[in-house]
C-alpha atoms as a PDB file:
ATOM      1  CA  UNK A   1      -1.822 -23.459-165.387  1.00  0.00           C
ATOM      2  CA  UNK A   2       1.881 -23.048-166.042  1.00  0.00           C
ATOM      3  CA  UNK A   3       4.099 -26.158-165.886  1.00  0.00           C
ATOM      4  CA  UNK A   4       6.137 -26.681-162.718  1.00  0.00           C
ATOM      5  CA  UNK A   5       8.980 -28.879-161.514  1.00  0.00           C
ATOM      6  CA  UNK A   6       9.989 -29.918-165.015  1.00  0.00           C
ATOM      7  CA  UNK A   7       6.514 -31.118-166.039  1.00  0.00           C
ATOM      8  CA  UNK A   8       5.126 -30.056-169.404  1.00  0.00           C
ATOM      9  CA  UNK A   9       1.637 -30.039-170.873  1.00  0.00           C
ATOM     10  CA  UNK A  10       1.015 -30.183-174.629  1.00  0.00           C
ATOM     11  CA  UNK A  11      -2.219 -30.151-176.604  1.00  0.00           C
ATOM     12  CA  UNK A  12      -3.052 -31.167-180.147  1.00  0.00           C
ATOM     13  CA  UNK A  13      -6.456 -31.133-181.754  1.00  0.00           C
ATOM     14  CA  UNK A  14      -7.756 -34.406-183.133  1.00  0.00           C
ATOM     15  CA  UNK A  15      -9.559 -34.683-186.456  1.00  0.00           C
ATOM     16  CA  UNK A  16     -13.025 -34.820-184.924  1.00  0.00           C
ATOM     17  CA  UNK A  17     -14.629 -31.409-184.276  1.00  0.00           C
ATOM     18  CA  UNK A  18     -14.377 -30.246-180.668  1.00  0.00           C
ATOM     19  CA  UNK A  19     -12.144 -33.176-179.775  1.00  0.00           C
ATOM     20  CA  UNK A  20      -8.790 -32.651-178.147  1.00  0.00           C
ATOM     21  CA  UNK A  21      -5.965 -34.844-176.940  1.00  0.00           C
ATOM     22  CA  UNK A  22      -3.906 -33.643-174.002  1.00  0.00           C
ATOM     23  CA  UNK A  23      -0.415 -34.963-173.336  1.00  0.00           C
ATOM     24  CA  UNK A  24       1.000 -34.509-169.851  1.00  0.00           C
ATOM     25  CA  UNK A  25       4.637 -35.482-169.565  1.00  0.00           C
ATOM     26  CA  UNK A  26       6.389 -36.316-166.291  1.00  0.00           C
ATOM     27  CA  UNK A  27      10.175 -36.168-166.013  1.00  0.00           C
ATOM     28  CA  UNK A  28      11.786 -39.555-166.574  1.00  0.00           C
ATOM     29  CA  UNK A  29       8.420 -41.324-166.465  1.00  0.00           C
ATOM     30  CA  UNK A  30       7.136 -40.973-170.038  1.00  0.00           C
ATOM     31  CA  UNK A  31       3.812 -39.464-171.047  1.00  0.00           C
ATOM     32  CA  UNK A  32       0.200 -39.830-170.087  1.00  0.00           C
ATOM     33  CA  UNK A  33      -2.284 -39.260-172.935  1.00  0.00           C
ATOM     34  CA  UNK A  34      -5.750 -38.071-171.961  1.00  0.00           C
ATOM     35  CA  UNK A  35      -8.395 -37.893-174.688  1.00  0.00           C
ATOM     36  CA  UNK A  36     -11.849 -36.389-174.565  1.00  0.00           C
ATOM     37  CA  UNK A  37     -14.708 -36.018-177.011  1.00  0.00           C
ATOM     38  CA  UNK A  38     -15.304 -32.536-175.658  1.00  0.00           C
ATOM     39  CA  UNK A  39     -12.816 -29.767-175.166  1.00  0.00           C
ATOM     40  CA  UNK A  40     -11.175 -30.215-171.768  1.00  0.00           C
ATOM     41  CA  UNK A  41     -11.312 -27.103-169.630  1.00  0.00           C
ATOM     42  CA  UNK A  42      -8.323 -25.517-167.968  1.00  0.00           C
ATOM     43  CA  UNK A  43      -9.837 -26.605-164.615  1.00  0.00           C
ATOM     44  CA  UNK A  44      -9.812 -30.247-165.696  1.00  0.00           C
ATOM     45  CA  UNK A  45      -6.258 -30.033-166.979  1.00  0.00           C
ATOM     46  CA  UNK A  46      -5.208 -28.264-163.793  1.00  0.00           C
ATOM     47  CA  UNK A  47      -6.731 -31.012-161.665  1.00  0.00           C
ATOM     48  CA  UNK A  48      -4.948 -33.721-163.650  1.00  0.00           C
ATOM     49  CA  UNK A  49      -1.720 -31.767-163.439  1.00  0.00           C
ATOM     50  CA  UNK A  50      -2.034 -31.368-159.658  1.00  0.00           C
ATOM     51  CA  UNK A  51      -2.698 -35.083-159.166  1.00  0.00           C
ATOM     52  CA  UNK A  52       0.315 -36.058-161.237  1.00  0.00           C
ATOM     53  CA  UNK A  53       2.502 -33.502-159.505  1.00  0.00           C
ATOM     54  CA  UNK A  54       1.481 -34.892-156.111  1.00  0.00           C
ATOM     55  CA  UNK A  55       2.307 -38.416-157.302  1.00  0.00           C
ATOM     56  CA  UNK A  56       5.711 -37.263-158.523  1.00  0.00           C
ATOM     57  CA  UNK A  57       6.502 -35.547-155.231  1.00  0.00           C
ATOM     58  CA  UNK A  58       5.424 -38.659-153.299  1.00  0.00           C
ATOM     59  CA  UNK A  59       7.667 -40.825-155.438  1.00  0.00           C
ATOM     60  CA  UNK A  60      10.615 -38.571-154.629  1.00  0.00           C
ATOM     61  CA  UNK A  61      10.150 -38.824-150.851  1.00  0.00           C
ATOM     62  CA  UNK A  62      12.658 -40.789-148.817  1.00  0.00           C
ATOM     63  CA  UNK A  63      11.791 -42.637-145.611  1.00  0.00           C
ATOM     64  CA  UNK A  64      14.524 -43.002-142.991  1.00  0.00           C
ATOM     65  CA  UNK A  65      14.084 -45.465-140.148  1.00  0.00           C
ATOM     66  CA  UNK A  66      15.290 -43.894-136.902  1.00  0.00           C
ATOM     67  CA  UNK A  67      14.701 -47.023-134.822  1.00  0.00           C
ATOM     68  CA  UNK A  68      17.307 -49.377-133.394  1.00  0.00           C
ATOM     69  CA  UNK A  69      16.773 -53.115-133.848  1.00  0.00           C
ATOM     70  CA  UNK A  70      16.178 -54.826-130.501  1.00  0.00           C
ATOM     71  CA  UNK A  71      18.113 -58.058-130.041  1.00  0.00           C
ATOM     72  CA  UNK A  72      16.851 -60.696-127.583  1.00  0.00           C
ATOM     73  CA  UNK A  73      18.801 -60.938-124.334  1.00  0.00           C
ATOM     74  CA  UNK A  74      19.166 -63.416-121.516  1.00  0.00           C
ATOM     75  CA  UNK A  75      16.829 -63.225-118.520  1.00  0.00           C
ATOM     76  CA  UNK A  76      19.469 -61.624-116.280  1.00  0.00           C
ATOM     77  CA  UNK A  77      20.248 -58.640-118.533  1.00  0.00           C
ATOM     78  CA  UNK A  78      19.678 -55.230-116.931  1.00  0.00           C
ATOM     79  CA  UNK A  79      17.674 -54.068-119.927  1.00  0.00           C
ATOM     80  CA  UNK A  80      16.238 -57.430-120.801  1.00  0.00           C
ATOM     81  CA  UNK A  81      14.283 -58.397-123.864  1.00  0.00           C
ATOM     82  CA  UNK A  82      13.517 -62.078-123.462  1.00  0.00           C
ATOM     83  CA  UNK A  83      11.545 -63.862-126.185  1.00  0.00           C
ATOM     84  CA  UNK A  84      10.033 -67.286-125.556  1.00  0.00           C
ATOM     85  CA  UNK A  85       8.513 -68.961-128.607  1.00  0.00           C
ATOM     86  CA  UNK A  86       5.927 -71.689-128.129  1.00  0.00           C
ATOM     87  CA  UNK A  87       3.252 -73.490-130.144  1.00  0.00           C
ATOM     88  CA  UNK A  88       0.151 -71.384-130.666  1.00  0.00           C
ATOM     89  CA  UNK A  89      -2.009 -74.389-129.790  1.00  0.00           C
ATOM     90  CA  UNK A  90      -1.635 -78.050-129.065  1.00  0.00           C
ATOM     91  CA  UNK A  91      -1.021 -79.845-132.324  1.00  0.00           C
ATOM     92  CA  UNK A  92      -3.468 -82.480-133.518  1.00  0.00           C
ATOM     93  CA  UNK A  93      -1.993 -85.916-132.754  1.00  0.00           C
ATOM     94  CA  UNK A  94      -0.214 -87.255-135.805  1.00  0.00           C
ATOM     95  CA  UNK A  95      -0.333 -83.932-137.700  1.00  0.00           C
ATOM     96  CA  UNK A  96       2.898 -83.173-139.523  1.00  0.00           C
ATOM     97  CA  UNK A  97       3.424 -79.692-140.945  1.00  0.00           C
ATOM     98  CA  UNK A  98       5.391 -79.214-144.179  1.00  0.00           C
ATOM     99  CA  UNK A  99       9.075 -78.533-143.728  1.00  0.00           C
ATOM    100  CA  UNK A 100       9.790 -74.919-142.825  1.00  0.00           C
ATOM    101  CA  UNK A 101       6.315 -74.208-141.433  1.00  0.00           C
ATOM    102  CA  UNK A 102       5.091 -73.789-137.886  1.00  0.00           C
ATOM    103  CA  UNK A 103       2.301 -72.048-135.970  1.00  0.00           C
ATOM    104  CA  UNK A 104       3.726 -70.223-132.984  1.00  0.00           C
ATOM    105  CA  UNK A 105       3.201 -67.361-130.573  1.00  0.00           C
ATOM    106  CA  UNK A 106       5.713 -65.543-128.379  1.00  0.00           C
ATOM    107  CA  UNK A 107       5.853 -64.528-124.746  1.00  0.00           C
ATOM    108  CA  UNK A 108       8.008 -61.427-124.282  1.00  0.00           C
ATOM    109  CA  UNK A 109       9.521 -60.249-121.011  1.00  0.00           C
ATOM    110  CA  UNK A 110      11.211 -56.878-121.207  1.00  0.00           C
ATOM    111  CA  UNK A 111      12.290 -53.794-119.360  1.00  0.00           C
ATOM    112  CA  UNK A 112      10.262 -51.031-120.981  1.00  0.00           C
ATOM    113  CA  UNK A 113      13.277 -48.721-121.446  1.00  0.00           C
ATOM    114  CA  UNK A 114      14.956 -50.885-124.071  1.00  0.00           C
ATOM    115  CA  UNK A 115      16.072 -49.968-127.582  1.00  0.00           C
ATOM    116  CA  UNK A 116      14.579 -46.861-129.141  1.00  0.00           C
ATOM    117  CA  UNK A 117      11.895 -46.003-126.600  1.00  0.00           C
ATOM    118  CA  UNK A 118       9.620 -43.173-125.584  1.00  0.00           C
ATOM    119  CA  UNK A 119       9.277 -41.913-122.027  1.00  0.00           C
ATOM    120  CA  UNK A 120       5.994 -40.333-120.966  1.00  0.00           C
ATOM    121  CA  UNK A 121       5.683 -37.766-118.151  1.00  0.00           C
ATOM    122  CA  UNK A 122       4.404 -40.620-115.945  1.00  0.00           C
ATOM    123  CA  UNK A 123       8.038 -41.781-115.856  1.00  0.00           C
ATOM    124  CA  UNK A 124       8.787 -39.102-113.230  1.00  0.00           C
ATOM    125  CA  UNK A 125       5.405 -37.605-112.321  1.00  0.00           C
ATOM    126  CA  UNK A 126       2.776 -39.673-110.503  1.00  0.00           C
ATOM    127  CA  UNK A 127      -0.038 -37.722-112.139  1.00  0.00           C
ATOM    128  CA  UNK A 128       1.716 -37.322-115.487  1.00  0.00           C
ATOM    129  CA  UNK A 129       0.403 -38.759-118.743  1.00  0.00           C
ATOM    130  CA  UNK A 130       1.100 -42.420-119.387  1.00  0.00           C
ATOM    131  CA  UNK A 131       1.547 -43.774-122.910  1.00  0.00           C
ATOM    132  CA  UNK A 132      -2.189 -44.046-123.514  1.00  0.00           C
ATOM    133  CA  UNK A 133      -2.762 -40.386-122.660  1.00  0.00           C
ATOM    134  CA  UNK A 134      -0.208 -38.860-125.036  1.00  0.00           C
ATOM    135  CA  UNK A 135      -2.265 -37.194-127.814  1.00  0.00           C
ATOM    136  CA  UNK A 136      -1.574 -38.731-131.222  1.00  0.00           C
ATOM    137  CA  UNK A 137      -1.105 -35.208-132.623  1.00  0.00           C
ATOM    138  CA  UNK A 138       1.932 -34.836-130.359  1.00  0.00           C
ATOM    139  CA  UNK A 139       3.631 -37.839-131.949  1.00  0.00           C
ATOM    140  CA  UNK A 140       3.546 -36.815-135.616  1.00  0.00           C
ATOM    141  CA  UNK A 141       4.401 -33.645-137.480  1.00  0.00           C
ATOM    142  CA  UNK A 142       7.221 -31.369-138.543  1.00  0.00           C
ATOM    143  CA  UNK A 143      10.593 -32.139-137.001  1.00  0.00           C
ATOM    144  CA  UNK A 144      13.706 -30.003-136.904  1.00  0.00           C
ATOM    145  CA  UNK A 145      17.088 -31.735-136.710  1.00  0.00           C
ATOM    146  CA  UNK A 146      19.677 -30.124-134.428  1.00  0.00           C
ATOM    147  CA  UNK A 147      23.221 -31.187-135.269  1.00  0.00           C
ATOM    148  CA  UNK A 148      25.129 -31.264-131.985  1.00  0.00           C
ATOM    149  CA  UNK A 149      27.590 -33.913-133.139  1.00  0.00           C
ATOM    150  CA  UNK A 150      30.551 -31.587-132.551  1.00  0.00           C
ATOM    151  CA  UNK A 151      29.327 -30.124-129.279  1.00  0.00           C
ATOM    152  CA  UNK A 152      31.630 -30.709-126.348  1.00  0.00           C
ATOM    153  CA  UNK A 153      31.084 -29.137-122.948  1.00  0.00           C
ATOM    154  CA  UNK A 154      31.470 -29.788-119.245  1.00  0.00           C
ATOM    155  CA  UNK A 155      28.078 -29.962-117.594  1.00  0.00           C
ATOM    156  CA  UNK A 156      26.150 -30.810-120.754  1.00  0.00           C
ATOM    157  CA  UNK A 157      25.549 -29.240-124.146  1.00  0.00           C
ATOM    158  CA  UNK A 158      25.281 -25.528-123.480  1.00  0.00           C
ATOM    159  CA  UNK A 159      22.524 -23.047-124.215  1.00  0.00           C
ATOM    160  CA  UNK A 160      24.743 -21.305-126.768  1.00  0.00           C
ATOM    161  CA  UNK A 161      25.524 -24.567-128.586  1.00  0.00           C
ATOM    162  CA  UNK A 162      21.829 -25.459-128.806  1.00  0.00           C
ATOM    163  CA  UNK A 163      20.905 -21.983-130.028  1.00  0.00           C
ATOM    164  CA  UNK A 164      23.601 -22.105-132.712  1.00  0.00           C
ATOM    165  CA  UNK A 165      22.393 -25.531-133.887  1.00  0.00           C
ATOM    166  CA  UNK A 166      18.805 -24.277-133.983  1.00  0.00           C
ATOM    167  CA  UNK A 167      19.837 -21.214-135.978  1.00  0.00           C
ATOM    168  CA  UNK A 168      21.709 -23.406-138.480  1.00  0.00           C
ATOM    169  CA  UNK A 169      18.575 -25.534-138.903  1.00  0.00           C
ATOM    170  CA  UNK A 170      16.410 -22.517-139.645  1.00  0.00           C
ATOM    171  CA  UNK A 171      14.965 -22.077-136.175  1.00  0.00           C
ATOM    172  CA  UNK A 172      12.516 -23.956-133.969  1.00  0.00           C
ATOM    173  CA  UNK A 173       8.826 -23.277-134.519  1.00  0.00           C
ATOM    174  CA  UNK A 174       6.031 -23.699-132.018  1.00  0.00           C
ATOM    175  CA  UNK A 175       4.702 -27.245-132.249  1.00  0.00           C
ATOM    176  CA  UNK A 176       7.910 -28.686-133.712  1.00  0.00           C
ATOM    177  CA  UNK A 177       9.312 -32.083-132.885  1.00  0.00           C
ATOM    178  CA  UNK A 178      12.995 -31.619-132.030  1.00  0.00           C
ATOM    179  CA  UNK A 179      15.471 -34.422-132.810  1.00  0.00           C
ATOM    180  CA  UNK A 180      19.035 -33.942-131.575  1.00  0.00           C
ATOM    181  CA  UNK A 181      22.058 -35.609-133.130  1.00  0.00           C
ATOM    182  CA  UNK A 182      24.458 -35.820-130.208  1.00  0.00           C
ATOM    183  CA  UNK A 183      28.264 -36.005-130.124  1.00  0.00           C
ATOM    184  CA  UNK A 184      31.029 -36.225-127.514  1.00  0.00           C
ATOM    185  CA  UNK A 185      28.715 -34.631-124.941  1.00  0.00           C
ATOM    186  CA  UNK A 186      25.626 -36.797-124.975  1.00  0.00           C
ATOM    187  CA  UNK A 187      23.435 -34.888-122.514  1.00  0.00           C
ATOM    188  CA  UNK A 188      22.237 -31.323-121.934  1.00  0.00           C
ATOM    189  CA  UNK A 189      22.687 -28.482-119.518  1.00  0.00           C
ATOM    190  CA  UNK A 190      19.429 -27.622-117.797  1.00  0.00           C
ATOM    191  CA  UNK A 191      19.493 -24.122-119.304  1.00  0.00           C
ATOM    192  CA  UNK A 192      19.638 -25.580-122.819  1.00  0.00           C
ATOM    193  CA  UNK A 193      16.633 -27.830-122.189  1.00  0.00           C
ATOM    194  CA  UNK A 194      14.621 -25.003-120.667  1.00  0.00           C
ATOM    195  CA  UNK A 195      15.276 -22.912-123.773  1.00  0.00           C
ATOM    196  CA  UNK A 196      14.059 -25.728-126.050  1.00  0.00           C
ATOM    197  CA  UNK A 197      10.871 -26.008-124.006  1.00  0.00           C
ATOM    198  CA  UNK A 198      10.366 -22.236-124.247  1.00  0.00           C
ATOM    199  CA  UNK A 199      10.484 -22.458-128.058  1.00  0.00           C
ATOM    200  CA  UNK A 200       7.304 -24.535-127.965  1.00  0.00           C
ATOM    201  CA  UNK A 201       8.516 -28.001-129.001  1.00  0.00           C
ATOM    202  CA  UNK A 202       5.971 -30.769-128.472  1.00  0.00           C
ATOM    203  CA  UNK A 203       8.229 -33.845-128.529  1.00  0.00           C
ATOM    204  CA  UNK A 204      11.973 -34.359-128.121  1.00  0.00           C
ATOM    205  CA  UNK A 205      14.239 -37.154-129.316  1.00  0.00           C
ATOM    206  CA  UNK A 206      17.960 -37.855-128.969  1.00  0.00           C
ATOM    207  CA  UNK A 207      20.288 -40.483-130.395  1.00  0.00           C
ATOM    208  CA  UNK A 208      21.964 -40.903-126.999  1.00  0.00           C
ATOM    209  CA  UNK A 209      20.827 -42.820-123.939  1.00  0.00           C
ATOM    210  CA  UNK A 210      19.252 -39.775-122.317  1.00  0.00           C
ATOM    211  CA  UNK A 211      19.346 -36.097-121.443  1.00  0.00           C
ATOM    212  CA  UNK A 212      20.019 -36.239-117.723  1.00  0.00           C
ATOM    213  CA  UNK A 213      22.968 -34.510-116.086  1.00  0.00           C
ATOM    214  CA  UNK A 214      25.932 -36.881-116.015  1.00  0.00           C
ATOM    215  CA  UNK A 215      27.114 -35.725-112.590  1.00  0.00           C
ATOM    216  CA  UNK A 216      23.707 -35.977-110.894  1.00  0.00           C
ATOM    217  CA  UNK A 217      24.200 -38.658-108.243  1.00  0.00           C
ATOM    218  CA  UNK A 218      20.967 -37.748-106.451  1.00  0.00           C
ATOM    219  CA  UNK A 219      18.670 -39.098-109.195  1.00  0.00           C
ATOM    220  CA  UNK A 220      16.647 -35.908-108.939  1.00  0.00           C
ATOM    221  CA  UNK A 221      15.822 -36.177-112.659  1.00  0.00           C
ATOM    222  CA  UNK A 222      16.216 -32.425-113.073  1.00  0.00           C
ATOM    223  CA  UNK A 223      16.372 -32.458-116.872  1.00  0.00           C
ATOM    224  CA  UNK A 224      13.633 -35.057-117.296  1.00  0.00           C
ATOM    225  CA  UNK A 225      11.348 -32.939-115.157  1.00  0.00           C
ATOM    226  CA  UNK A 226      12.008 -29.840-117.269  1.00  0.00           C
ATOM    227  CA  UNK A 227      10.418 -31.760-120.145  1.00  0.00           C
ATOM    228  CA  UNK A 228       7.753 -33.718-118.294  1.00  0.00           C
ATOM    229  CA  UNK A 229       6.378 -30.766-116.321  1.00  0.00           C
ATOM    230  CA  UNK A 230       5.797 -29.122-119.701  1.00  0.00           C
ATOM    231  CA  UNK A 231       4.020 -32.270-120.953  1.00  0.00           C
ATOM    232  CA  UNK A 232       6.786 -33.128-123.425  1.00  0.00           C
ATOM    233  CA  UNK A 233       7.603 -36.824-123.955  1.00  0.00           C
ATOM    234  CA  UNK A 234      11.198 -37.883-124.608  1.00  0.00           C
ATOM    235  CA  UNK A 235      12.504 -40.427-127.122  1.00  0.00           C
ATOM    236  CA  UNK A 236      15.899 -41.973-126.360  1.00  0.00           C
ATOM    237  CA  UNK A 237      18.301 -44.057-128.466  1.00  0.00           C
ATOM    238  CA  UNK A 238      17.304 -42.847-131.916  1.00  0.00           C
ATOM    239  CA  UNK A 239      19.586 -43.847-134.766  1.00  0.00           C
ATOM    240  CA  UNK A 240      20.376 -42.798-138.354  1.00  0.00           C
ATOM    241  CA  UNK A 241      19.940 -39.077-137.729  1.00  0.00           C
ATOM    242  CA  UNK A 242      23.129 -38.660-139.770  1.00  0.00           C
ATOM    243  CA  UNK A 243      21.275 -40.064-142.796  1.00  0.00           C
ATOM    244  CA  UNK A 244      18.812 -37.172-142.838  1.00  0.00           C
ATOM    245  CA  UNK A 245      19.911 -34.631-145.442  1.00  0.00           C
ATOM    246  CA  UNK A 246      17.501 -31.811-144.615  1.00  0.00           C
ATOM    247  CA  UNK A 247      17.129 -29.703-141.476  1.00  0.00           C
ATOM    248  CA  UNK A 248      13.352 -30.221-141.472  1.00  0.00           C
ATOM    249  CA  UNK A 249      11.418 -33.435-142.090  1.00  0.00           C
ATOM    250  CA  UNK A 250       8.091 -35.068-141.322  1.00  0.00           C
ATOM    251  CA  UNK A 251       8.384 -37.385-138.330  1.00  0.00           C
ATOM    252  CA  UNK A 252       6.198 -40.216-137.070  1.00  0.00           C
ATOM    253  CA  UNK A 253       6.811 -41.680-133.596  1.00  0.00           C
ATOM    254  CA  UNK A 254       4.150 -44.206-132.662  1.00  0.00           C
ATOM    255  CA  UNK A 255       4.164 -46.270-129.464  1.00  0.00           C
ATOM    256  CA  UNK A 256       1.325 -48.546-128.440  1.00  0.00           C
ATOM    257  CA  UNK A 257      -1.252 -46.669-126.315  1.00  0.00           C
ATOM    258  CA  UNK A 258      -0.810 -48.814-123.189  1.00  0.00           C
ATOM    259  CA  UNK A 259      -2.353 -47.648-119.934  1.00  0.00           C
ATOM    260  CA  UNK A 260      -0.164 -47.583-116.848  1.00  0.00           C
ATOM    261  CA  UNK A 261       3.129 -47.646-118.766  1.00  0.00           C
ATOM    262  CA  UNK A 262       5.768 -44.945-118.362  1.00  0.00           C
ATOM    263  CA  UNK A 263       7.844 -46.043-121.365  1.00  0.00           C
ATOM    264  CA  UNK A 264       7.946 -48.552-124.201  1.00  0.00           C
ATOM    265  CA  UNK A 265       9.852 -49.248-127.438  1.00  0.00           C
ATOM    266  CA  UNK A 266       8.415 -47.601-130.539  1.00  0.00           C
ATOM    267  CA  UNK A 267       9.026 -47.191-134.264  1.00  0.00           C
ATOM    268  CA  UNK A 268      10.236 -43.767-135.383  1.00  0.00           C
ATOM    269  CA  UNK A 269      10.565 -42.723-139.020  1.00  0.00           C
ATOM    270  CA  UNK A 270      11.422 -39.503-140.805  1.00  0.00           C
ATOM    271  CA  UNK A 271      10.178 -38.602-144.290  1.00  0.00           C
ATOM    272  CA  UNK A 272      12.125 -36.089-146.374  1.00  0.00           C
END
């Protein structure tokens, strides 16, 4: 098997008959010496090489957190996240814990659309999927990053602007997750969203507060329904999309599978 990615394999015969020592060198990590009393086949060397190559690739991967930190709020906040800490159980009379230790639990009261959160079709459709019914396969996979940070338009990011961003990213493939880095115009025209749905995306995320038409005073949720009627969940308030250096990454967006919930905060990460 020929060396790849800067790895090299060298062999030298030892003094004992039919004995061989194989040296497999990784870039910047030194050498691994593998010795055998019998001649090692090309299949064995190839397997070792593949394992080491996989380890090298894994070590080179970078994980980017796309999730905003949620700060506790007061009880009257519109998007509240109230944390009440209390003892986990009644302490034994006279028990004194060492300084700096405690045993607590927390009661949390929140509006489910807080921080980086995912919205299921149930958000706008009575018979739509809630969080527990979103297939796990829809929440992980290949993601394409659309850079719309310079897009400016009345009525939402246009179809042409979205198509140009998709072309620059190498295109949208069926089954892609689509993350959009927004700019001065932080929402979409309905035509642009319909086109994204037609490309076969399975999950959408934006680093703005939503995709809905800014001038829609009727709360008809036109843009949300374009996604939800196609069974596509929406993630709002992503962050750090500007830290991603490649147009395509692996993405993981995992909310708790709670029945009866239309939305909830979640952790989203990209791996490049």
